[in-house]
Amino acid sequence: MLGAIMKVKLSVGFLGATEMAGYELDLAFLVIALFLAINGSKLLAIDQVLVNKETVE
């Protein structure tokens, strides 16, 4: 993602122009992917709710 931003979209600018979108969405996806890679996705995972449901007896 970083390579695509640097090679293709950096010259267009952050918000882009009329003919091409900028790199703001790509940067947001990159930040979200890094956050999930560093912190894990336990909070956002559906399987945590469905599979690992523990009952207190």
Protein backbone atom coordinates (compact mmCIF):
# COMPACT_ATOMS: atom_id res chain seq x y z
CA MET A 1 0.00 0.00 0.00
CA LEU A 2 2.81 2.34 0.85
CA GLY A 3 4.48 1.59 -2.48
CA ALA A 4 1.29 2.41 -4.38
CA ILE A 5 0.92 5.68 -2.54
CA MET A 6 4.54 6.69 -3.16
CA LYS A 7 4.69 5.61 -6.79
CA VAL A 8 1.26 6.50 -8.19
CA LYS A 9 -0.82 8.72 -5.95
CA LEU A 10 1.70 11.03 -4.29
CA SER A 11 1.92 13.28 -7.34
CA VAL A 12 -1.88 13.73 -7.39
CA GLY A 13 -1.97 15.00 -3.83
CA PHE A 14 -3.76 14.09 -0.63
CA LEU A 15 -7.29 14.82 -1.82
CA GLY A 16 -6.59 14.32 -5.51
CA ALA A 17 -7.86 16.12 -8.56
CA THR A 18 -10.88 15.83 -10.80
CA GLU A 19 -9.43 13.00 -12.89
CA MET A 20 -7.97 10.86 -10.09
CA ALA A 21 -8.61 10.30 -6.40
CA GLY A 22 -5.95 11.16 -3.87
CA TYR A 23 -4.27 8.91 -1.37
CA GLU A 24 -6.44 9.76 1.66
CA LEU A 25 -8.43 6.50 1.53
CA ASP A 26 -5.30 4.43 0.90
CA LEU A 27 -3.64 6.08 3.90
CA ALA A 28 -6.67 5.35 6.08
CA PHE A 29 -6.64 1.67 5.02
CA LEU A 30 -2.92 1.50 5.77
CA VAL A 31 -3.40 2.94 9.26
CA ILE A 32 -6.30 0.56 10.00
CA ALA A 33 -4.28 -2.45 8.80
CA LEU A 34 -1.30 -1.44 10.94
CA PHE A 35 -3.53 -0.93 13.97
CA LEU A 36 -5.08 -4.38 13.59
CA ALA A 37 -1.68 -5.98 13.00
CA ILE A 38 -0.19 -4.41 16.12
CA ASN A 39 -3.12 -4.65 18.53
CA GLY A 40 -4.83 -7.74 17.20
CA SER A 41 -8.40 -7.95 16.08
CA LYS A 42 -10.00 -9.53 19.14
CA LEU A 43 -12.27 -6.57 19.66
CA LEU A 44 -13.51 -6.52 16.07
CA ALA A 45 -13.65 -10.29 15.48
CA ILE A 46 -17.07 -11.90 15.19
CA ASP A 47 -15.71 -15.30 16.17
CA GLN A 48 -14.91 -13.96 19.63
CA VAL A 49 -18.62 -13.49 20.18
CA LEU A 50 -19.83 -16.69 18.49
CA VAL A 51 -17.22 -19.36 19.26
CA ASN A 52 -15.54 -18.40 22.52
CA LYS A 53 -18.70 -17.80 24.50
CA GLU A 54 -18.00 -19.00 28.00
CA THR A 55 -20.79 -19.75 30.43
CA VAL A 56 -20.44 -19.12 34.12
CA GLU A 57 -21.75 -21.94 36.25
